[in-house]
Amino acid sequence: MDGTEKVVEHLKMTQVIINRLANNCVLVKGWSMTIILAVMVLITKHEIQIPYFVAVPLILPIWILDGYFLRQERLFRQVYNEIRTKYDTDFEMNPIKHSKKPKCSWLSVIFSPTLITFYIVEIFFIMGVFAIIQK
């Protein structure tokens, strides 16, 4: 196998990892909605009188987990970009060396437009539903 073929195989391996991490982000968002809706149904079914802000902390660990997968995806995209510029490869995948890049920091990931939009909308949804329920 010559250098170019090795680079192509290395890119394929990295792309599989990126796809898996992106799929995990989608699954986490789905589970987030499922958990929140299940909690709301349980609360309304048992007519428990609790304020809406009790359900909001359920979102925070899910938001952080989603941020973790998004950060890993961004790190592996950096690895992918590094590999594609080479003519030969040793199949090294070290995403940590890209962790200092601006788009790969924890804060930039957790407060990225996609995550912040999704989870803020989810929080407002919870607050709205609880406001309707509590009337």
C-alpha atoms as a PDB file:
ATOM      1  CA  MET A   1       0.000   0.000   0.000  1.00  0.00           C
ATOM      2  CA  ASP A   2       1.518   3.323  -1.021  1.00  0.00           C
ATOM      3  CA  GLY A   3       1.231   6.585   0.924  1.00  0.00           C
ATOM      4  CA  THR A   4      -1.823   7.925  -0.896  1.00  0.00           C
ATOM      5  CA  GLU A   5      -3.813   4.736  -0.316  1.00  0.00           C
ATOM      6  CA  LYS A   6      -2.887   4.827   3.368  1.00  0.00           C
ATOM      7  CA  VAL A   7      -4.053   8.426   3.631  1.00  0.00           C
ATOM      8  CA  VAL A   8      -7.381   7.538   1.995  1.00  0.00           C
ATOM      9  CA  GLU A   9      -7.886   4.636   4.434  1.00  0.00           C
ATOM     10  CA  HIS A  10      -6.957   6.863   7.340  1.00  0.00           C
ATOM     11  CA  LEU A  11      -9.482   9.471   6.161  1.00  0.00           C
ATOM     12  CA  LYS A  12     -12.176   6.784   5.923  1.00  0.00           C
ATOM     13  CA  MET A  13     -11.455   5.626   9.472  1.00  0.00           C
ATOM     14  CA  THR A  14     -11.618   9.186  10.765  1.00  0.00           C
ATOM     15  CA  GLN A  15     -14.853   9.874   8.876  1.00  0.00           C
ATOM     16  CA  VAL A  16     -16.478   6.828  10.502  1.00  0.00           C
ATOM     17  CA  ILE A  17     -15.607   8.249  13.927  1.00  0.00           C
ATOM     18  CA  ILE A  18     -16.983  11.680  12.990  1.00  0.00           C
ATOM     19  CA  ASN A  19     -20.233  10.131  11.738  1.00  0.00           C
ATOM     20  CA  ARG A  20     -20.629   8.096  14.926  1.00  0.00           C
ATOM     21  CA  LEU A  21     -20.090  11.170  17.105  1.00  0.00           C
ATOM     22  CA  ALA A  22     -22.587  13.192  15.042  1.00  0.00           C
ATOM     23  CA  ASN A  23     -25.108  10.367  15.419  1.00  0.00           C
ATOM     24  CA  ASN A  24     -24.553  10.425  19.189  1.00  0.00           C
ATOM     25  CA  CYS A  25     -25.427  14.125  19.243  1.00  0.00           C
ATOM     26  CA  VAL A  26     -28.721  13.388  17.508  1.00  0.00           C
ATOM     27  CA  LEU A  27     -29.483  10.533  19.907  1.00  0.00           C
ATOM     28  CA  VAL A  28     -28.747  12.693  22.958  1.00  0.00           C
ATOM     29  CA  LYS A  29     -31.151  15.366  21.715  1.00  0.00           C
ATOM     30  CA  GLY A  30     -33.823  12.726  21.172  1.00  0.00           C
ATOM     31  CA  TRP A  31     -33.318  11.296  24.645  1.00  0.00           C
ATOM     32  CA  SER A  32     -33.426  14.798  26.103  1.00  0.00           C
ATOM     33  CA  MET A  33     -36.841  15.438  24.604  1.00  0.00           C
ATOM     34  CA  THR A  34     -38.075  11.990  25.651  1.00  0.00           C
ATOM     35  CA  ILE A  35     -36.964  12.399  29.269  1.00  0.00           C
ATOM     36  CA  ILE A  36     -38.436  15.880  29.590  1.00  0.00           C
ATOM     37  CA  LEU A  37     -41.757  14.808  28.081  1.00  0.00           C
ATOM     38  CA  ALA A  38     -41.878  11.731  30.332  1.00  0.00           C
ATOM     39  CA  VAL A  39     -41.284  13.875  33.421  1.00  0.00           C
ATOM     40  CA  MET A  40     -44.007  16.281  32.304  1.00  0.00           C
ATOM     41  CA  VAL A  41     -46.468  13.459  31.731  1.00  0.00           C
ATOM     42  CA  LEU A  42     -45.723  11.962  35.150  1.00  0.00           C
ATOM     43  CA  ILE A  43     -46.170  15.318  36.834  1.00  0.00           C
ATOM     44  CA  THR A  44     -49.471  16.059  35.095  1.00  0.00           C
ATOM     45  CA  LYS A  45     -50.798  12.528  35.536  1.00  0.00           C
ATOM     46  CA  HIS A  46     -50.165  12.526  39.277  1.00  0.00           C
ATOM     47  CA  GLU A  47     -51.142  16.195  39.597  1.00  0.00           C
ATOM     48  CA  ILE A  48     -47.987  17.039  41.494  1.00  0.00           C
ATOM     49  CA  GLN A  49     -47.698  20.743  42.209  1.00  0.00           C
ATOM     50  CA  ILE A  50     -44.053  21.603  41.603  1.00  0.00           C
ATOM     51  CA  PRO A  51     -42.539  24.697  40.037  1.00  0.00           C
ATOM     52  CA  TYR A  52     -41.191  24.462  36.478  1.00  0.00           C
ATOM     53  CA  PHE A  53     -37.613  25.235  37.485  1.00  0.00           C
ATOM     54  CA  VAL A  54     -37.348  21.797  39.103  1.00  0.00           C
ATOM     55  CA  ALA A  55     -37.412  20.167  35.645  1.00  0.00           C
ATOM     56  CA  VAL A  56     -34.875  22.560  34.103  1.00  0.00           C
ATOM     57  CA  PRO A  57     -31.818  21.014  35.894  1.00  0.00           C
ATOM     58  CA  LEU A  58     -32.625  17.745  34.110  1.00  0.00           C
ATOM     59  CA  ILE A  59     -31.505  19.427  30.902  1.00  0.00           C
ATOM     60  CA  LEU A  60     -28.079  20.550  32.112  1.00  0.00           C
ATOM     61  CA  PRO A  61     -26.328  17.123  32.273  1.00  0.00           C
ATOM     62  CA  ILE A  62     -27.810  16.225  28.894  1.00  0.00           C
ATOM     63  CA  TRP A  63     -26.607  19.557  27.468  1.00  0.00           C
ATOM     64  CA  ILE A  64     -23.099  18.842  28.789  1.00  0.00           C
ATOM     65  CA  LEU A  65     -23.134  15.309  27.344  1.00  0.00           C
ATOM     66  CA  ASP A  66     -24.242  16.671  23.989  1.00  0.00           C
ATOM     67  CA  GLY A  67     -21.459  19.248  24.221  1.00  0.00           C
ATOM     68  CA  TYR A  68     -18.959  16.470  24.914  1.00  0.00           C
ATOM     69  CA  PHE A  69     -19.924  14.618  21.739  1.00  0.00           C
ATOM     70  CA  LEU A  70     -19.898  17.839  19.702  1.00  0.00           C
ATOM     71  CA  ARG A  71     -16.443  18.725  21.048  1.00  0.00           C
ATOM     72  CA  GLN A  72     -15.105  15.279  20.168  1.00  0.00           C
ATOM     73  CA  GLU A  73     -16.603  15.616  16.691  1.00  0.00           C
ATOM     74  CA  ARG A  74     -14.912  18.979  16.201  1.00  0.00           C
ATOM     75  CA  LEU A  75     -11.591  17.594  17.432  1.00  0.00           C
ATOM     76  CA  PHE A  76     -11.785  14.698  14.989  1.00  0.00           C
ATOM     77  CA  ARG A  77     -12.660  17.114  12.188  1.00  0.00           C
ATOM     78  CA  GLN A  78      -9.373  18.836  12.965  1.00  0.00           C
ATOM     79  CA  VAL A  79      -7.634  15.452  12.807  1.00  0.00           C
ATOM     80  CA  TYR A  80      -9.340  14.830   9.452  1.00  0.00           C
ATOM     81  CA  ASN A  81      -8.129  18.193   8.109  1.00  0.00           C
ATOM     82  CA  GLU A  82      -4.615  17.408   9.283  1.00  0.00           C
ATOM     83  CA  ILE A  83      -4.617  13.984   7.601  1.00  0.00           C
ATOM     84  CA  ARG A  84      -5.952  15.209   4.260  1.00  0.00           C
ATOM     85  CA  THR A  85      -2.932  17.465   3.750  1.00  0.00           C
ATOM     86  CA  LYS A  86      -0.435  14.606   4.069  1.00  0.00           C
ATOM     87  CA  TYR A  87       1.058  12.359   1.422  1.00  0.00           C
ATOM     88  CA  ASP A  88       1.711   9.488   3.829  1.00  0.00           C
ATOM     89  CA  THR A  89       0.359   8.568   7.244  1.00  0.00           C
ATOM     90  CA  ASP A  90       1.189   6.512  10.313  1.00  0.00           C
ATOM     91  CA  PHE A  91      -2.553   6.225  11.223  1.00  0.00           C
ATOM     92  CA  GLU A  92      -2.153   8.428  14.286  1.00  0.00           C
ATOM     93  CA  MET A  93      -5.374   9.949  15.632  1.00  0.00           C
ATOM     94  CA  ASN A  94      -4.614  12.295  18.487  1.00  0.00           C
ATOM     95  CA  PRO A  95      -7.509  14.730  18.859  1.00  0.00           C
ATOM     96  CA  ILE A  96      -6.180  16.196  22.111  1.00  0.00           C
ATOM     97  CA  LYS A  97      -3.447  18.154  20.337  1.00  0.00           C
ATOM     98  CA  HIS A  98      -6.205  20.206  18.666  1.00  0.00           C
ATOM     99  CA  SER A  99      -8.005  21.044  21.912  1.00  0.00           C
ATOM    100  CA  LYS A 100      -6.489  24.532  22.120  1.00  0.00           C
ATOM    101  CA  LYS A 101      -8.064  25.647  18.853  1.00  0.00           C
ATOM    102  CA  PRO A 102     -10.824  28.261  19.262  1.00  0.00           C
ATOM    103  CA  LYS A 103     -13.752  26.208  17.962  1.00  0.00           C
ATOM    104  CA  CYS A 104     -12.737  23.203  20.078  1.00  0.00           C
ATOM    105  CA  SER A 105     -12.813  24.740  23.557  1.00  0.00           C
ATOM    106  CA  TRP A 106     -15.449  23.618  26.039  1.00  0.00           C
ATOM    107  CA  LEU A 107     -17.087  27.036  26.255  1.00  0.00           C
ATOM    108  CA  SER A 108     -17.328  27.511  22.509  1.00  0.00           C
ATOM    109  CA  VAL A 109     -18.886  24.065  22.172  1.00  0.00           C
ATOM    110  CA  ILE A 110     -21.354  24.265  25.070  1.00  0.00           C
ATOM    111  CA  PHE A 111     -22.486  27.712  23.936  1.00  0.00           C
ATOM    112  CA  SER A 112     -22.410  26.955  20.212  1.00  0.00           C
ATOM    113  CA  PRO A 113     -25.421  28.295  18.300  1.00  0.00           C
ATOM    114  CA  THR A 114     -26.837  24.831  17.639  1.00  0.00           C
ATOM    115  CA  LEU A 115     -26.716  23.624  21.242  1.00  0.00           C
ATOM    116  CA  ILE A 116     -27.778  26.873  22.827  1.00  0.00           C
ATOM    117  CA  THR A 117     -30.741  27.233  20.466  1.00  0.00           C
ATOM    118  CA  PHE A 118     -31.953  23.666  21.029  1.00  0.00           C
ATOM    119  CA  TYR A 119     -31.654  23.666  24.811  1.00  0.00           C
ATOM    120  CA  ILE A 120     -32.946  27.220  25.354  1.00  0.00           C
ATOM    121  CA  VAL A 121     -36.014  26.365  23.265  1.00  0.00           C
ATOM    122  CA  GLU A 122     -36.428  23.208  25.346  1.00  0.00           C
ATOM    123  CA  ILE A 123     -36.191  25.221  28.592  1.00  0.00           C
ATOM    124  CA  PHE A 124     -38.785  27.739  27.345  1.00  0.00           C
ATOM    125  CA  PHE A 125     -41.012  24.847  26.292  1.00  0.00           C
ATOM    126  CA  ILE A 126     -40.817  23.391  29.801  1.00  0.00           C
ATOM    127  CA  MET A 127     -41.570  26.763  31.353  1.00  0.00           C
ATOM    128  CA  GLY A 128     -44.541  27.270  29.031  1.00  0.00           C
ATOM    129  CA  VAL A 129     -46.011  23.855  29.684  1.00  0.00           C
ATOM    130  CA  PHE A 130     -45.612  24.231  33.427  1.00  0.00           C
ATOM    131  CA  ALA A 131     -47.219  27.688  33.280  1.00  0.00           C
ATOM    132  CA  ILE A 132     -50.222  26.170  31.509  1.00  0.00           C
ATOM    133  CA  ILE A 133     -50.372  23.199  33.886  1.00  0.00           C
ATOM    134  CA  GLN A 134     -50.147  25.299  37.053  1.00  0.00           C
ATOM    135  CA  LYS A 135     -53.201  27.425  36.102  1.00  0.00           C
END
